[in-house]
N, C-alpha and C. Protein backbone atom coordinates (compact mmCIF):
# COMPACT_ATOMS: atom_id res chain seq x y z
N MET A 1 -4.60 26.22 -13.99
CA MET A 1 -3.99 24.92 -13.79
C MET A 1 -4.56 23.97 -14.84
N ASN A 2 -3.69 23.17 -15.47
CA ASN A 2 -4.19 22.26 -16.48
C ASN A 2 -4.90 21.07 -15.84
N THR A 3 -5.65 20.34 -16.67
CA THR A 3 -6.49 19.25 -16.17
C THR A 3 -5.67 18.16 -15.50
N SER A 4 -4.53 17.79 -16.09
CA SER A 4 -3.72 16.73 -15.47
C SER A 4 -3.15 17.18 -14.14
N ALA A 5 -2.82 18.45 -14.01
CA ALA A 5 -2.33 18.96 -12.72
C ALA A 5 -3.44 18.95 -11.69
N GLN A 6 -4.66 19.30 -12.12
CA GLN A 6 -5.80 19.26 -11.20
C GLN A 6 -6.07 17.83 -10.74
N ALA A 7 -5.97 16.88 -11.66
CA ALA A 7 -6.20 15.48 -11.31
C ALA A 7 -5.15 15.01 -10.31
N LYS A 8 -3.90 15.40 -10.52
CA LYS A 8 -2.83 15.02 -9.59
C LYS A 8 -3.10 15.58 -8.20
N ASN A 9 -3.61 16.82 -8.13
CA ASN A 9 -3.88 17.42 -6.82
C ASN A 9 -5.02 16.72 -6.10
N ALA A 10 -5.92 16.05 -6.84
CA ALA A 10 -7.02 15.32 -6.21
C ALA A 10 -6.59 13.92 -5.78
N SER A 11 -5.45 13.47 -6.26
CA SER A 11 -4.97 12.13 -5.95
C SER A 11 -4.72 11.95 -4.46
N VAL A 12 -4.95 10.73 -4.02
CA VAL A 12 -4.62 10.32 -2.66
C VAL A 12 -3.53 9.26 -2.79
N PHE A 13 -2.47 9.41 -2.02
CA PHE A 13 -1.36 8.47 -2.05
C PHE A 13 -1.34 7.69 -0.74
N ARG A 14 -1.39 6.40 -0.84
CA ARG A 14 -1.22 5.54 0.34
C ARG A 14 0.23 5.06 0.29
N ILE A 15 1.01 5.45 1.29
CA ILE A 15 2.43 5.08 1.34
C ILE A 15 2.67 4.33 2.64
N ASP A 16 3.05 3.07 2.49
CA ASP A 16 3.31 2.20 3.63
C ASP A 16 4.76 1.78 3.61
N SER A 17 5.44 1.94 4.74
CA SER A 17 6.84 1.54 4.89
C SER A 17 6.90 0.37 5.87
N PHE A 18 7.76 -0.59 5.56
CA PHE A 18 7.86 -1.79 6.39
C PHE A 18 9.31 -2.11 6.70
N ALA A 19 9.57 -2.48 7.94
CA ALA A 19 10.86 -3.04 8.35
C ALA A 19 10.66 -4.55 8.39
N VAL A 20 11.14 -5.22 7.35
CA VAL A 20 10.89 -6.66 7.19
C VAL A 20 12.17 -7.44 7.48
N PRO A 21 12.16 -8.28 8.51
CA PRO A 21 13.32 -9.13 8.77
C PRO A 21 13.56 -10.07 7.57
N ALA A 22 14.81 -10.40 7.31
CA ALA A 22 15.16 -11.24 6.16
C ALA A 22 14.37 -12.55 6.15
N GLU A 23 14.20 -13.15 7.32
CA GLU A 23 13.51 -14.44 7.38
C GLU A 23 12.01 -14.33 7.11
N ALA A 24 11.46 -13.12 7.13
CA ALA A 24 10.03 -12.91 6.88
C ALA A 24 9.75 -12.43 5.46
N ARG A 25 10.81 -12.16 4.69
CA ARG A 25 10.63 -11.54 3.38
C ARG A 25 9.74 -12.35 2.44
N GLU A 26 9.94 -13.65 2.35
CA GLU A 26 9.18 -14.47 1.40
C GLU A 26 7.68 -14.43 1.71
N ALA A 27 7.31 -14.64 2.96
CA ALA A 27 5.89 -14.61 3.35
C ALA A 27 5.32 -13.20 3.15
N PHE A 28 6.10 -12.19 3.49
CA PHE A 28 5.66 -10.81 3.33
C PHE A 28 5.39 -10.50 1.85
N MET A 29 6.34 -10.87 0.99
CA MET A 29 6.19 -10.57 -0.43
C MET A 29 5.01 -11.31 -1.05
N ALA A 30 4.72 -12.52 -0.60
CA ALA A 30 3.56 -13.25 -1.10
C ALA A 30 2.28 -12.48 -0.78
N GLN A 31 2.19 -11.95 0.43
CA GLN A 31 1.01 -11.18 0.82
C GLN A 31 0.95 -9.85 0.07
N VAL A 32 2.09 -9.20 -0.10
CA VAL A 32 2.14 -7.93 -0.83
C VAL A 32 1.69 -8.14 -2.28
N ARG A 33 2.15 -9.21 -2.91
CA ARG A 33 1.75 -9.48 -4.30
C ARG A 33 0.24 -9.69 -4.40
N ASP A 34 -0.33 -10.44 -3.45
CA ASP A 34 -1.77 -10.67 -3.44
C ASP A 34 -2.53 -9.35 -3.29
N THR A 35 -2.07 -8.53 -2.37
CA THR A 35 -2.70 -7.22 -2.15
C THR A 35 -2.56 -6.33 -3.38
N LYS A 36 -1.37 -6.30 -3.95
CA LYS A 36 -1.12 -5.48 -5.14
C LYS A 36 -2.03 -5.91 -6.29
N ASP A 37 -2.13 -7.21 -6.53
CA ASP A 37 -2.99 -7.70 -7.61
C ASP A 37 -4.44 -7.28 -7.39
N PHE A 38 -4.91 -7.36 -6.15
CA PHE A 38 -6.29 -6.97 -5.84
C PHE A 38 -6.49 -5.47 -6.06
N LEU A 39 -5.57 -4.66 -5.54
CA LEU A 39 -5.72 -3.21 -5.66
C LEU A 39 -5.61 -2.74 -7.10
N ASP A 40 -4.77 -3.41 -7.90
CA ASP A 40 -4.63 -3.05 -9.31
C ASP A 40 -5.96 -3.17 -10.05
N GLN A 41 -6.86 -4.02 -9.57
CA GLN A 41 -8.15 -4.24 -10.23
C GLN A 41 -9.22 -3.24 -9.78
N GLN A 42 -8.92 -2.45 -8.77
CA GLN A 42 -9.92 -1.54 -8.22
C GLN A 42 -9.99 -0.26 -9.05
N GLN A 43 -11.21 0.22 -9.25
CA GLN A 43 -11.42 1.44 -10.02
C GLN A 43 -10.74 2.62 -9.31
N GLY A 44 -10.02 3.42 -10.09
CA GLY A 44 -9.37 4.60 -9.55
C GLY A 44 -7.94 4.40 -9.13
N CYS A 45 -7.41 3.18 -9.28
CA CYS A 45 -6.00 2.93 -8.96
C CYS A 45 -5.16 3.42 -10.13
N LEU A 46 -4.40 4.49 -9.92
CA LEU A 46 -3.61 5.09 -10.99
C LEU A 46 -2.22 4.49 -11.10
N GLN A 47 -1.63 4.15 -9.97
CA GLN A 47 -0.34 3.45 -9.96
C GLN A 47 -0.20 2.71 -8.64
N ASN A 48 0.58 1.63 -8.69
CA ASN A 48 0.72 0.76 -7.53
C ASN A 48 2.13 0.18 -7.57
N LEU A 49 2.97 0.67 -6.69
CA LEU A 49 4.38 0.29 -6.70
C LEU A 49 4.77 -0.44 -5.42
N VAL A 50 5.67 -1.40 -5.58
CA VAL A 50 6.32 -2.06 -4.44
C VAL A 50 7.81 -1.79 -4.62
N LEU A 51 8.41 -1.15 -3.62
CA LEU A 51 9.81 -0.74 -3.70
C LEU A 51 10.61 -1.39 -2.58
N GLU A 52 11.85 -1.77 -2.91
CA GLU A 52 12.73 -2.36 -1.91
C GLU A 52 14.00 -1.53 -1.82
N HIS A 53 14.41 -1.23 -0.60
CA HIS A 53 15.62 -0.46 -0.34
C HIS A 53 16.83 -1.31 -0.69
N HIS A 54 17.78 -0.73 -1.44
CA HIS A 54 18.93 -1.51 -1.90
C HIS A 54 20.29 -1.00 -1.47
N SER A 55 20.38 0.16 -0.84
CA SER A 55 21.72 0.66 -0.50
C SER A 55 21.71 1.37 0.84
N GLY A 56 22.78 1.18 1.59
CA GLY A 56 22.93 1.86 2.87
C GLY A 56 22.04 1.26 3.95
N ALA A 57 22.31 1.65 5.17
CA ALA A 57 21.53 1.16 6.31
C ALA A 57 20.19 1.88 6.34
N GLN A 58 19.14 1.13 6.50
CA GLN A 58 17.80 1.70 6.53
C GLN A 58 16.90 0.77 7.34
N ARG A 59 16.18 1.32 8.29
CA ARG A 59 15.28 0.49 9.09
C ARG A 59 14.11 -0.02 8.25
N PHE A 60 13.50 0.86 7.48
CA PHE A 60 12.38 0.46 6.64
C PHE A 60 12.92 0.05 5.27
N ASN A 61 12.81 -1.24 4.96
CA ASN A 61 13.43 -1.75 3.74
C ASN A 61 12.45 -2.05 2.61
N MET A 62 11.15 -1.97 2.88
CA MET A 62 10.14 -2.18 1.85
C MET A 62 9.13 -1.04 1.92
N VAL A 63 8.70 -0.57 0.76
CA VAL A 63 7.72 0.52 0.70
C VAL A 63 6.70 0.18 -0.39
N THR A 64 5.44 0.43 -0.09
CA THR A 64 4.40 0.34 -1.12
C THR A 64 3.81 1.74 -1.31
N VAL A 65 3.56 2.08 -2.56
CA VAL A 65 2.98 3.39 -2.90
C VAL A 65 1.82 3.13 -3.86
N VAL A 66 0.63 3.54 -3.46
CA VAL A 66 -0.54 3.40 -4.33
C VAL A 66 -1.14 4.79 -4.50
N GLU A 67 -1.31 5.18 -5.76
CA GLU A 67 -1.96 6.46 -6.06
C GLU A 67 -3.39 6.19 -6.49
N TRP A 68 -4.31 6.86 -5.80
CA TRP A 68 -5.74 6.77 -6.10
C TRP A 68 -6.20 8.07 -6.73
N GLU A 69 -7.12 8.00 -7.67
CA GLU A 69 -7.56 9.21 -8.38
C GLU A 69 -8.31 10.18 -7.49
N SER A 70 -8.86 9.69 -6.37
CA SER A 70 -9.62 10.56 -5.48
C SER A 70 -9.77 9.90 -4.11
N GLU A 71 -10.23 10.69 -3.16
CA GLU A 71 -10.52 10.16 -1.83
C GLU A 71 -11.62 9.10 -1.92
N ALA A 72 -12.60 9.31 -2.79
CA ALA A 72 -13.69 8.34 -2.95
C ALA A 72 -13.17 7.01 -3.50
N ALA A 73 -12.27 7.06 -4.47
CA ALA A 73 -11.70 5.83 -5.03
C ALA A 73 -10.93 5.08 -3.95
N PHE A 74 -10.16 5.81 -3.15
CA PHE A 74 -9.42 5.19 -2.05
C PHE A 74 -10.38 4.54 -1.06
N ALA A 75 -11.43 5.26 -0.67
CA ALA A 75 -12.40 4.74 0.30
C ALA A 75 -13.09 3.48 -0.23
N ASN A 76 -13.45 3.49 -1.51
CA ASN A 76 -14.10 2.31 -2.10
C ASN A 76 -13.16 1.11 -2.12
N ALA A 77 -11.90 1.34 -2.46
CA ALA A 77 -10.92 0.25 -2.48
C ALA A 77 -10.67 -0.28 -1.07
N LYS A 78 -10.63 0.61 -0.10
CA LYS A 78 -10.43 0.19 1.30
C LYS A 78 -11.60 -0.69 1.75
N THR A 79 -12.81 -0.29 1.40
CA THR A 79 -13.99 -1.09 1.74
C THR A 79 -13.92 -2.47 1.08
N ALA A 80 -13.56 -2.50 -0.20
CA ALA A 80 -13.44 -3.77 -0.92
C ALA A 80 -12.37 -4.66 -0.30
N MET A 81 -11.24 -4.07 0.09
CA MET A 81 -10.16 -4.84 0.71
C MET A 81 -10.61 -5.39 2.06
N ASN A 82 -11.30 -4.57 2.84
CA ASN A 82 -11.80 -5.05 4.14
C ASN A 82 -12.79 -6.19 3.97
N GLU A 83 -13.64 -6.11 2.95
CA GLU A 83 -14.58 -7.21 2.66
C GLU A 83 -13.83 -8.48 2.28
N LYS A 84 -12.81 -8.34 1.44
CA LYS A 84 -11.99 -9.49 1.03
C LYS A 84 -11.34 -10.13 2.25
N ARG A 85 -10.79 -9.31 3.11
CA ARG A 85 -10.12 -9.83 4.31
C ARG A 85 -11.12 -10.46 5.28
N GLY A 86 -12.32 -9.90 5.35
CA GLY A 86 -13.35 -10.49 6.20
C GLY A 86 -13.73 -11.88 5.74
N ILE A 87 -13.81 -12.07 4.44
CA ILE A 87 -14.16 -13.38 3.87
C ILE A 87 -13.02 -14.37 4.09
N SER A 88 -11.79 -13.94 3.85
CA SER A 88 -10.64 -14.85 3.96
C SER A 88 -10.19 -15.06 5.40
N GLY A 89 -10.56 -14.13 6.29
CA GLY A 89 -10.11 -14.22 7.68
C GLY A 89 -8.71 -13.68 7.90
N PHE A 90 -8.15 -13.01 6.89
CA PHE A 90 -6.80 -12.46 7.02
C PHE A 90 -6.81 -11.24 7.93
N ASP A 91 -5.91 -11.24 8.90
CA ASP A 91 -5.77 -10.13 9.85
C ASP A 91 -4.39 -9.50 9.64
N PRO A 92 -4.32 -8.34 8.98
CA PRO A 92 -3.02 -7.73 8.67
C PRO A 92 -2.17 -7.46 9.91
N ALA A 93 -2.78 -6.95 10.97
CA ALA A 93 -2.01 -6.63 12.18
C ALA A 93 -1.40 -7.90 12.78
N GLN A 94 -2.16 -8.96 12.82
CA GLN A 94 -1.65 -10.22 13.35
C GLN A 94 -0.54 -10.77 12.46
N PHE A 95 -0.72 -10.68 11.15
CA PHE A 95 0.29 -11.13 10.19
C PHE A 95 1.61 -10.42 10.42
N LEU A 96 1.57 -9.09 10.50
CA LEU A 96 2.79 -8.30 10.71
C LEU A 96 3.42 -8.63 12.05
N ASN A 97 2.61 -8.72 13.09
CA ASN A 97 3.11 -9.02 14.43
C ASN A 97 3.78 -10.39 14.48
N THR A 98 3.14 -11.38 13.89
CA THR A 98 3.68 -12.75 13.89
C THR A 98 5.04 -12.81 13.21
N LEU A 99 5.20 -12.05 12.13
CA LEU A 99 6.46 -12.07 11.38
C LEU A 99 7.49 -11.07 11.91
N GLY A 100 7.13 -10.29 12.91
CA GLY A 100 8.06 -9.31 13.46
C GLY A 100 8.31 -8.14 12.54
N ILE A 101 7.30 -7.77 11.77
CA ILE A 101 7.42 -6.67 10.80
C ILE A 101 6.87 -5.39 11.42
N GLU A 102 7.67 -4.34 11.37
CA GLU A 102 7.24 -3.02 11.82
C GLU A 102 6.68 -2.26 10.62
N ALA A 103 5.56 -1.57 10.80
CA ALA A 103 4.93 -0.87 9.69
C ALA A 103 4.61 0.57 10.05
N ASN A 104 4.72 1.45 9.06
CA ASN A 104 4.31 2.84 9.17
C ASN A 104 3.43 3.11 7.96
N MET A 105 2.12 3.29 8.19
CA MET A 105 1.16 3.42 7.09
C MET A 105 0.46 4.77 7.17
N SER A 106 0.47 5.50 6.04
CA SER A 106 -0.13 6.84 6.03
C SER A 106 -0.68 7.19 4.66
N ASN A 107 -1.62 8.12 4.66
CA ASN A 107 -2.16 8.67 3.43
C ASN A 107 -1.57 10.06 3.22
N TYR A 108 -1.32 10.39 1.96
CA TYR A 108 -0.72 11.67 1.61
C TYR A 108 -1.48 12.29 0.44
N ALA A 109 -1.35 13.59 0.30
CA ALA A 109 -1.88 14.33 -0.84
C ALA A 109 -0.76 15.20 -1.38
N ALA A 110 -0.79 15.45 -2.68
CA ALA A 110 0.21 16.32 -3.30
C ALA A 110 0.04 17.74 -2.78
N VAL A 111 1.14 18.42 -2.61
CA VAL A 111 1.12 19.82 -2.18
C VAL A 111 1.07 20.68 -3.43
N PRO A 112 0.03 21.53 -3.55
CA PRO A 112 -0.10 22.36 -4.77
C PRO A 112 1.01 23.40 -4.87
């Protein structure tokens, strides 16, 4: 297996899907941009995408995909994000609940 393929197999993908009501989109996107900017600065972030569903009926209309170079990079970024949220007092669960946003958040690994 070549080195780039080995690196891809070590990657951790955080994929979060959101059902965002139209009236909550602006507030949601402001928070997503803030989170994206922070994660982009973390060591080991290989790619960080925000995707919006554009065709057909779909319950989950927003998706974020972040690829981390390793489980350790993901864990370090998660710790840094939790520290940031602790300082700011931001509560993601409360934010989503207040805006009526449904979320499905999971970690994935590439299948060799």
